[in-house]
Amino acid sequence: MKYTIIIEKGRESGYVVYAPALKGCVSQGKTREEALKNIREAMELYIEALIEDGLPVPTEVGKDTVELEVVAK
């Protein structure tokens, strides 16, 4: 499965990363690489828990992107 993740620079340090399709699945790390490793593990555990509980595994639907160019006046 493939999921979109969002990586943001932390307010004070490090990185915060989350998977929008997996509600509440969030992780963090001191470096970008650590944050990516941690979210992968969190996502795997999240999906395993859903399967164990007999719940459906979310998929991404309706994903799209918008590209903007803002010109200051």
N, C-alpha and C. Protein backbone atom coordinates (compact mmCIF):
# COMPACT_ATOMS: atom_id res chain seq x y z
N MET A 1 0.84 -1.18 0.00
CA MET A 1 0.00 0.00 0.00
C MET A 1 0.88 1.24 0.00
N LYS A 2 0.37 2.30 -0.58
CA LYS A 2 1.07 3.58 -0.58
C LYS A 2 0.18 4.62 0.08
N TYR A 3 0.79 5.42 0.93
CA TYR A 3 0.07 6.49 1.61
C TYR A 3 0.88 7.78 1.50
N THR A 4 0.17 8.88 1.39
CA THR A 4 0.79 10.19 1.42
C THR A 4 1.13 10.51 2.87
N ILE A 5 2.31 11.09 3.08
CA ILE A 5 2.67 11.58 4.40
C ILE A 5 3.04 13.04 4.28
N ILE A 6 2.85 13.77 5.37
CA ILE A 6 3.18 15.18 5.43
C ILE A 6 4.30 15.33 6.45
N ILE A 7 5.39 15.97 6.04
CA ILE A 7 6.53 16.20 6.93
C ILE A 7 6.63 17.70 7.18
N GLU A 8 6.67 18.06 8.45
CA GLU A 8 6.78 19.46 8.82
C GLU A 8 7.95 19.66 9.76
N LYS A 9 8.62 20.77 9.63
CA LYS A 9 9.68 21.12 10.56
C LYS A 9 9.03 21.43 11.90
N GLY A 10 9.57 20.86 12.98
CA GLY A 10 9.03 21.12 14.31
C GLY A 10 9.20 22.57 14.71
N ARG A 11 8.38 23.03 15.63
CA ARG A 11 8.45 24.44 16.06
C ARG A 11 9.78 24.75 16.73
N GLU A 12 10.25 23.83 17.55
CA GLU A 12 11.51 24.08 18.25
C GLU A 12 12.67 23.32 17.64
N SER A 13 12.44 22.07 17.26
CA SER A 13 13.49 21.27 16.63
C SER A 13 12.88 20.01 16.05
N GLY A 14 13.63 19.33 15.22
CA GLY A 14 13.19 18.06 14.67
C GLY A 14 12.09 18.19 13.64
N TYR A 15 11.44 17.05 13.37
CA TYR A 15 10.40 16.97 12.36
C TYR A 15 9.18 16.22 12.90
N VAL A 16 8.01 16.64 12.45
CA VAL A 16 6.76 15.97 12.76
C VAL A 16 6.22 15.45 11.44
N VAL A 17 5.70 14.22 11.45
CA VAL A 17 5.19 13.63 10.21
C VAL A 17 3.89 12.90 10.51
N TYR A 18 2.94 13.01 9.57
CA TYR A 18 1.66 12.32 9.75
C TYR A 18 1.13 11.82 8.42
N ALA A 19 0.22 10.85 8.54
CA ALA A 19 -0.42 10.25 7.36
C ALA A 19 -1.90 10.63 7.39
N PRO A 20 -2.33 11.58 6.57
CA PRO A 20 -3.72 12.05 6.61
C PRO A 20 -4.78 10.95 6.47
N ALA A 21 -4.51 9.92 5.69
CA ALA A 21 -5.50 8.87 5.48
C ALA A 21 -5.65 7.98 6.71
N LEU A 22 -4.65 7.99 7.58
CA LEU A 22 -4.67 7.17 8.79
C LEU A 22 -4.86 8.11 9.98
N LYS A 23 -6.10 8.42 10.26
CA LYS A 23 -6.44 9.43 11.26
C LYS A 23 -5.72 9.20 12.59
N GLY A 24 -4.99 10.21 13.02
CA GLY A 24 -4.29 10.14 14.30
C GLY A 24 -2.93 9.48 14.25
N CYS A 25 -2.49 9.03 13.09
CA CYS A 25 -1.18 8.38 12.96
C CYS A 25 -0.13 9.46 12.74
N VAL A 26 0.60 9.76 13.82
CA VAL A 26 1.57 10.85 13.83
C VAL A 26 2.85 10.35 14.47
N SER A 27 3.98 10.84 14.02
CA SER A 27 5.25 10.51 14.64
C SER A 27 6.18 11.71 14.51
N GLN A 28 7.39 11.55 15.02
CA GLN A 28 8.36 12.64 14.96
C GLN A 28 9.76 12.07 15.02
N GLY A 29 10.74 12.92 14.79
CA GLY A 29 12.13 12.51 14.88
C GLY A 29 13.03 13.72 14.91
N LYS A 30 14.24 13.53 15.40
CA LYS A 30 15.21 14.63 15.47
C LYS A 30 15.67 15.03 14.08
N THR A 31 15.76 14.03 13.17
CA THR A 31 16.15 14.30 11.79
C THR A 31 15.01 13.87 10.88
N ARG A 32 15.09 14.31 9.64
CA ARG A 32 14.08 13.91 8.65
C ARG A 32 14.08 12.39 8.48
N GLU A 33 15.27 11.80 8.41
CA GLU A 33 15.39 10.35 8.23
C GLU A 33 14.79 9.60 9.40
N GLU A 34 15.04 10.07 10.62
CA GLU A 34 14.48 9.43 11.81
C GLU A 34 12.95 9.55 11.82
N ALA A 35 12.44 10.71 11.43
CA ALA A 35 11.00 10.91 11.38
C ALA A 35 10.35 9.97 10.37
N LEU A 36 10.99 9.79 9.21
CA LEU A 36 10.45 8.88 8.18
C LEU A 36 10.46 7.43 8.68
N LYS A 37 11.54 7.03 9.34
CA LYS A 37 11.62 5.68 9.90
C LYS A 37 10.52 5.48 10.94
N ASN A 38 10.33 6.47 11.80
CA ASN A 38 9.33 6.36 12.86
C ASN A 38 7.90 6.32 12.33
N ILE A 39 7.59 7.12 11.29
CA ILE A 39 6.22 7.11 10.76
C ILE A 39 5.94 5.79 10.05
N ARG A 40 6.94 5.24 9.40
CA ARG A 40 6.75 3.94 8.74
C ARG A 40 6.36 2.89 9.78
N GLU A 41 7.08 2.87 10.90
CA GLU A 41 6.78 1.92 11.97
C GLU A 41 5.39 2.18 12.55
N ALA A 42 5.07 3.45 12.78
CA ALA A 42 3.75 3.81 13.34
C ALA A 42 2.63 3.39 12.39
N MET A 43 2.83 3.59 11.10
CA MET A 43 1.81 3.23 10.11
C MET A 43 1.61 1.71 10.06
N GLU A 44 2.71 0.97 10.11
CA GLU A 44 2.61 -0.50 10.10
C GLU A 44 1.84 -1.00 11.32
N LEU A 45 2.15 -0.46 12.49
CA LEU A 45 1.45 -0.86 13.71
C LEU A 45 -0.02 -0.46 13.67
N TYR A 46 -0.31 0.70 13.14
CA TYR A 46 -1.67 1.21 13.01
C TYR A 46 -2.50 0.25 12.15
N ILE A 47 -1.95 -0.11 11.00
CA ILE A 47 -2.67 -0.99 10.08
C ILE A 47 -2.80 -2.40 10.66
N GLU A 48 -1.76 -2.91 11.31
CA GLU A 48 -1.85 -4.22 11.96
C GLU A 48 -2.95 -4.24 13.00
N ALA A 49 -3.08 -3.16 13.79
CA ALA A 49 -4.12 -3.07 14.81
C ALA A 49 -5.52 -3.08 14.18
N LEU A 50 -5.68 -2.36 13.07
CA LEU A 50 -6.97 -2.36 12.38
C LEU A 50 -7.34 -3.78 11.93
N ILE A 51 -6.37 -4.46 11.33
CA ILE A 51 -6.61 -5.82 10.84
C ILE A 51 -6.96 -6.75 11.99
N GLU A 52 -6.21 -6.67 13.09
CA GLU A 52 -6.48 -7.52 14.25
C GLU A 52 -7.87 -7.28 14.81
N ASP A 53 -8.33 -6.02 14.75
CA ASP A 53 -9.66 -5.68 15.28
C ASP A 53 -10.77 -5.90 14.26
N GLY A 54 -10.41 -6.39 13.07
CA GLY A 54 -11.40 -6.65 12.03
C GLY A 54 -11.97 -5.39 11.40
N LEU A 55 -11.23 -4.31 11.47
CA LEU A 55 -11.69 -3.04 10.91
C LEU A 55 -11.10 -2.84 9.51
N PRO A 56 -11.78 -2.06 8.68
CA PRO A 56 -11.26 -1.83 7.32
C PRO A 56 -10.00 -0.97 7.35
N VAL A 57 -9.10 -1.26 6.44
CA VAL A 57 -7.88 -0.48 6.29
C VAL A 57 -8.17 0.66 5.32
N PRO A 58 -7.98 1.91 5.75
CA PRO A 58 -8.27 3.05 4.87
C PRO A 58 -7.38 3.07 3.62
N THR A 59 -7.95 3.56 2.56
CA THR A 59 -7.19 3.80 1.34
C THR A 59 -7.35 5.28 0.99
N GLU A 60 -6.45 5.79 0.21
CA GLU A 60 -6.56 7.18 -0.21
C GLU A 60 -7.46 7.27 -1.42
N VAL A 61 -8.47 8.13 -1.33
CA VAL A 61 -9.35 8.37 -2.46
C VAL A 61 -9.49 9.87 -2.65
N GLY A 62 -9.67 10.27 -3.86
CA GLY A 62 -9.89 11.68 -4.15
C GLY A 62 -8.66 12.55 -3.93
N LYS A 63 -7.50 11.93 -3.91
CA LYS A 63 -6.27 12.70 -3.71
C LYS A 63 -5.97 13.51 -4.95
N ASP A 64 -5.63 14.75 -4.74
CA ASP A 64 -5.29 15.63 -5.84
C ASP A 64 -4.35 16.71 -5.31
N THR A 65 -3.75 17.43 -6.19
CA THR A 65 -2.87 18.52 -5.78
C THR A 65 -3.26 19.78 -6.54
N VAL A 66 -2.92 20.90 -5.95
CA VAL A 66 -3.16 22.20 -6.56
C VAL A 66 -1.84 22.95 -6.53
N GLU A 67 -1.45 23.49 -7.66
CA GLU A 67 -0.23 24.28 -7.72
C GLU A 67 -0.61 25.73 -7.92
N LEU A 68 -0.07 26.59 -7.06
CA LEU A 68 -0.40 28.01 -7.12
C LEU A 68 0.87 28.83 -7.35
N GLU A 69 0.69 29.92 -8.03
CA GLU A 69 1.75 30.91 -8.13
C GLU A 69 1.16 32.22 -7.67
N VAL A 70 1.66 32.74 -6.57
CA VAL A 70 1.14 33.98 -5.99
C VAL A 70 2.10 35.10 -6.34
N VAL A 71 1.56 36.14 -6.93
CA VAL A 71 2.37 37.29 -7.33
C VAL A 71 1.94 38.47 -6.44
N ALA A 72 2.90 39.01 -5.71
CA ALA A 72 2.61 40.16 -4.84
C ALA A 72 2.35 41.40 -5.71
N LYS A 73 1.40 42.20 -5.29
CA LYS A 73 1.06 43.41 -6.05
C LYS A 73 1.67 44.63 -5.41
